[in-house]
Amino acid sequence: SYSQFSRRLKLLTGLSPKQFQQEVALQKARRLLESRQYASVSAVAHSVGISHVTRFSKMYEKRFGKNPAAYFEGFI
Protein backbone atom coordinates (compact mmCIF):
# COMPACT_ATOMS: atom_id res chain seq x y z
CA SER A 1 0.00 0.00 0.00
CA TYR A 2 1.04 3.62 -0.34
CA SER A 3 1.30 4.01 3.42
CA GLN A 4 3.68 1.08 3.69
CA PHE A 5 5.71 2.37 0.75
CA SER A 6 5.89 5.80 2.33
CA ARG A 7 7.06 4.38 5.68
CA ARG A 8 9.71 2.20 4.01
CA LEU A 9 11.01 5.04 1.88
CA LYS A 10 11.17 7.34 4.89
CA LEU A 11 13.03 4.65 6.84
CA LEU A 12 15.56 4.05 4.05
CA THR A 13 16.15 7.63 2.85
CA GLY A 14 14.80 9.93 5.54
CA LEU A 15 12.64 11.57 2.87
CA SER A 16 8.94 11.51 2.10
CA PRO A 17 7.95 10.29 -1.38
CA LYS A 18 7.50 13.87 -2.60
CA GLN A 19 10.86 14.95 -1.15
CA PHE A 20 12.55 11.90 -2.68
CA GLN A 21 11.06 12.65 -6.09
CA GLN A 22 12.24 16.26 -5.86
CA GLU A 23 15.72 15.17 -4.79
CA VAL A 24 16.00 12.83 -7.78
CA ALA A 25 14.86 15.61 -10.14
CA LEU A 26 17.29 18.13 -8.62
CA GLN A 27 20.21 15.70 -8.85
CA LYS A 28 19.40 15.05 -12.51
CA ALA A 29 19.09 18.80 -13.12
CA ARG A 30 22.49 19.35 -11.53
CA ARG A 31 24.07 16.80 -13.88
CA LEU A 32 22.39 18.42 -16.88
CA LEU A 33 23.47 21.92 -15.84
CA GLU A 34 27.05 20.85 -15.20
CA SER A 35 27.27 19.09 -18.56
CA ARG A 36 25.62 22.05 -20.33
CA GLN A 37 23.34 19.81 -22.35
CA TYR A 38 20.60 22.45 -22.46
CA ALA A 39 20.73 26.13 -23.37
CA SER A 40 18.48 27.46 -20.61
CA VAL A 41 17.28 26.92 -17.08
CA SER A 42 13.76 26.58 -18.43
CA ALA A 43 14.77 23.68 -20.67
CA VAL A 44 16.49 21.91 -17.77
CA ALA A 45 13.49 22.42 -15.48
CA HIS A 46 11.09 21.01 -18.05
CA SER A 47 13.36 18.07 -18.82
CA VAL A 48 13.29 16.96 -15.18
CA GLY A 49 9.53 17.37 -14.93
CA ILE A 50 9.21 20.71 -13.15
CA SER A 51 7.03 23.08 -15.16
CA HIS A 52 7.39 26.21 -13.01
CA VAL A 53 10.86 27.60 -13.66
CA THR A 54 10.75 30.05 -10.74
CA ARG A 55 9.85 27.25 -8.34
CA PHE A 56 12.60 25.08 -9.83
CA SER A 57 15.18 27.85 -9.40
CA LYS A 58 14.22 28.41 -5.77
CA MET A 59 14.29 24.68 -5.00
CA TYR A 60 17.65 24.29 -6.73
CA GLU A 61 19.22 27.25 -4.94
CA LYS A 62 17.90 26.08 -1.58
CA ARG A 63 19.27 22.56 -2.15
CA PHE A 64 22.66 23.38 -3.71
CA GLY A 65 23.29 26.99 -2.67
CA LYS A 66 23.75 28.11 -6.25
CA ASN A 67 21.31 29.67 -8.67
CA PRO A 68 20.93 27.44 -11.74
CA ALA A 69 21.31 30.50 -14.01
CA ALA A 70 24.90 30.83 -12.74
CA TYR A 71 25.82 27.85 -14.94
CA PHE A 72 25.05 29.96 -18.02
CA GLU A 73 26.95 33.11 -17.06
CA GLY A 74 29.77 33.77 -19.48
CA PHE A 75 28.62 30.87 -21.64
CA ILE A 76 27.21 31.63 -25.10
C-alpha atoms as a PDB file:
ATOM      1  CA  SER A   1       0.000   0.000   0.000  1.00  0.00           C
ATOM      2  CA  TYR A   2       1.040   3.620  -0.341  1.00  0.00           C
ATOM      3  CA  SER A   3       1.298   4.013   3.422  1.00  0.00           C
ATOM      4  CA  GLN A   4       3.679   1.080   3.685  1.00  0.00           C
ATOM      5  CA  PHE A   5       5.711   2.370   0.749  1.00  0.00           C
ATOM      6  CA  SER A   6       5.892   5.801   2.328  1.00  0.00           C
ATOM      7  CA  ARG A   7       7.058   4.381   5.679  1.00  0.00           C
ATOM      8  CA  ARG A   8       9.710   2.196   4.013  1.00  0.00           C
ATOM      9  CA  LEU A   9      11.008   5.044   1.883  1.00  0.00           C
ATOM     10  CA  LYS A  10      11.175   7.343   4.894  1.00  0.00           C
ATOM     11  CA  LEU A  11      13.027   4.647   6.840  1.00  0.00           C
ATOM     12  CA  LEU A  12      15.561   4.052   4.055  1.00  0.00           C
ATOM     13  CA  THR A  13      16.150   7.627   2.854  1.00  0.00           C
ATOM     14  CA  GLY A  14      14.799   9.929   5.538  1.00  0.00           C
ATOM     15  CA  LEU A  15      12.640  11.567   2.871  1.00  0.00           C
ATOM     16  CA  SER A  16       8.940  11.509   2.099  1.00  0.00           C
ATOM     17  CA  PRO A  17       7.952  10.288  -1.378  1.00  0.00           C
ATOM     18  CA  LYS A  18       7.505  13.865  -2.596  1.00  0.00           C
ATOM     19  CA  GLN A  19      10.858  14.947  -1.154  1.00  0.00           C
ATOM     20  CA  PHE A  20      12.546  11.900  -2.685  1.00  0.00           C
ATOM     21  CA  GLN A  21      11.060  12.648  -6.089  1.00  0.00           C
ATOM     22  CA  GLN A  22      12.236  16.260  -5.860  1.00  0.00           C
ATOM     23  CA  GLU A  23      15.718  15.166  -4.794  1.00  0.00           C
ATOM     24  CA  VAL A  24      16.005  12.829  -7.780  1.00  0.00           C
ATOM     25  CA  ALA A  25      14.856  15.611 -10.135  1.00  0.00           C
ATOM     26  CA  LEU A  26      17.287  18.125  -8.620  1.00  0.00           C
ATOM     27  CA  GLN A  27      20.215  15.700  -8.848  1.00  0.00           C
ATOM     28  CA  LYS A  28      19.395  15.050 -12.508  1.00  0.00           C
ATOM     29  CA  ALA A  29      19.092  18.799 -13.121  1.00  0.00           C
ATOM     30  CA  ARG A  30      22.493  19.345 -11.535  1.00  0.00           C
ATOM     31  CA  ARG A  31      24.071  16.797 -13.879  1.00  0.00           C
ATOM     32  CA  LEU A  32      22.395  18.424 -16.881  1.00  0.00           C
ATOM     33  CA  LEU A  33      23.470  21.916 -15.840  1.00  0.00           C
ATOM     34  CA  GLU A  34      27.050  20.849 -15.199  1.00  0.00           C
ATOM     35  CA  SER A  35      27.270  19.088 -18.560  1.00  0.00           C
ATOM     36  CA  ARG A  36      25.624  22.049 -20.325  1.00  0.00           C
ATOM     37  CA  GLN A  37      23.345  19.815 -22.349  1.00  0.00           C
ATOM     38  CA  TYR A  38      20.603  22.449 -22.464  1.00  0.00           C
ATOM     39  CA  ALA A  39      20.735  26.126 -23.373  1.00  0.00           C
ATOM     40  CA  SER A  40      18.482  27.465 -20.615  1.00  0.00           C
ATOM     41  CA  VAL A  41      17.279  26.923 -17.078  1.00  0.00           C
ATOM     42  CA  SER A  42      13.759  26.581 -18.429  1.00  0.00           C
ATOM     43  CA  ALA A  43      14.773  23.676 -20.671  1.00  0.00           C
ATOM     44  CA  VAL A  44      16.491  21.912 -17.769  1.00  0.00           C
ATOM     45  CA  ALA A  45      13.495  22.420 -15.479  1.00  0.00           C
ATOM     46  CA  HIS A  46      11.090  21.013 -18.045  1.00  0.00           C
ATOM     47  CA  SER A  47      13.360  18.069 -18.819  1.00  0.00           C
ATOM     48  CA  VAL A  48      13.291  16.958 -15.176  1.00  0.00           C
ATOM     49  CA  GLY A  49       9.528  17.366 -14.931  1.00  0.00           C
ATOM     50  CA  ILE A  50       9.207  20.712 -13.153  1.00  0.00           C
ATOM     51  CA  SER A  51       7.026  23.081 -15.158  1.00  0.00           C
ATOM     52  CA  HIS A  52       7.385  26.212 -13.011  1.00  0.00           C
ATOM     53  CA  VAL A  53      10.856  27.599 -13.660  1.00  0.00           C
ATOM     54  CA  THR A  54      10.747  30.050 -10.740  1.00  0.00           C
ATOM     55  CA  ARG A  55       9.853  27.248  -8.340  1.00  0.00           C
ATOM     56  CA  PHE A  56      12.598  25.079  -9.828  1.00  0.00           C
ATOM     57  CA  SER A  57      15.182  27.850  -9.403  1.00  0.00           C
ATOM     58  CA  LYS A  58      14.216  28.406  -5.771  1.00  0.00           C
ATOM     59  CA  MET A  59      14.294  24.679  -4.998  1.00  0.00           C
ATOM     60  CA  TYR A  60      17.654  24.290  -6.734  1.00  0.00           C
ATOM     61  CA  GLU A  61      19.217  27.248  -4.943  1.00  0.00           C
ATOM     62  CA  LYS A  62      17.903  26.078  -1.576  1.00  0.00           C
ATOM     63  CA  ARG A  63      19.273  22.557  -2.153  1.00  0.00           C
ATOM     64  CA  PHE A  64      22.659  23.375  -3.712  1.00  0.00           C
ATOM     65  CA  GLY A  65      23.285  26.995  -2.667  1.00  0.00           C
ATOM     66  CA  LYS A  66      23.755  28.108  -6.252  1.00  0.00           C
ATOM     67  CA  ASN A  67      21.313  29.666  -8.667  1.00  0.00           C
ATOM     68  CA  PRO A  68      20.934  27.445 -11.744  1.00  0.00           C
ATOM     69  CA  ALA A  69      21.311  30.504 -14.014  1.00  0.00           C
ATOM     70  CA  ALA A  70      24.900  30.834 -12.744  1.00  0.00           C
ATOM     71  CA  TYR A  71      25.817  27.850 -14.940  1.00  0.00           C
ATOM     72  CA  PHE A  72      25.052  29.960 -18.024  1.00  0.00           C
ATOM     73  CA  GLU A  73      26.949  33.115 -17.060  1.00  0.00           C
ATOM     74  CA  GLY A  74      29.765  33.771 -19.484  1.00  0.00           C
ATOM     75  CA  PHE A  75      28.624  30.874 -21.643  1.00  0.00           C
ATOM     76  CA  ILE A  76      27.206  31.629 -25.101  1.00  0.00           C
END
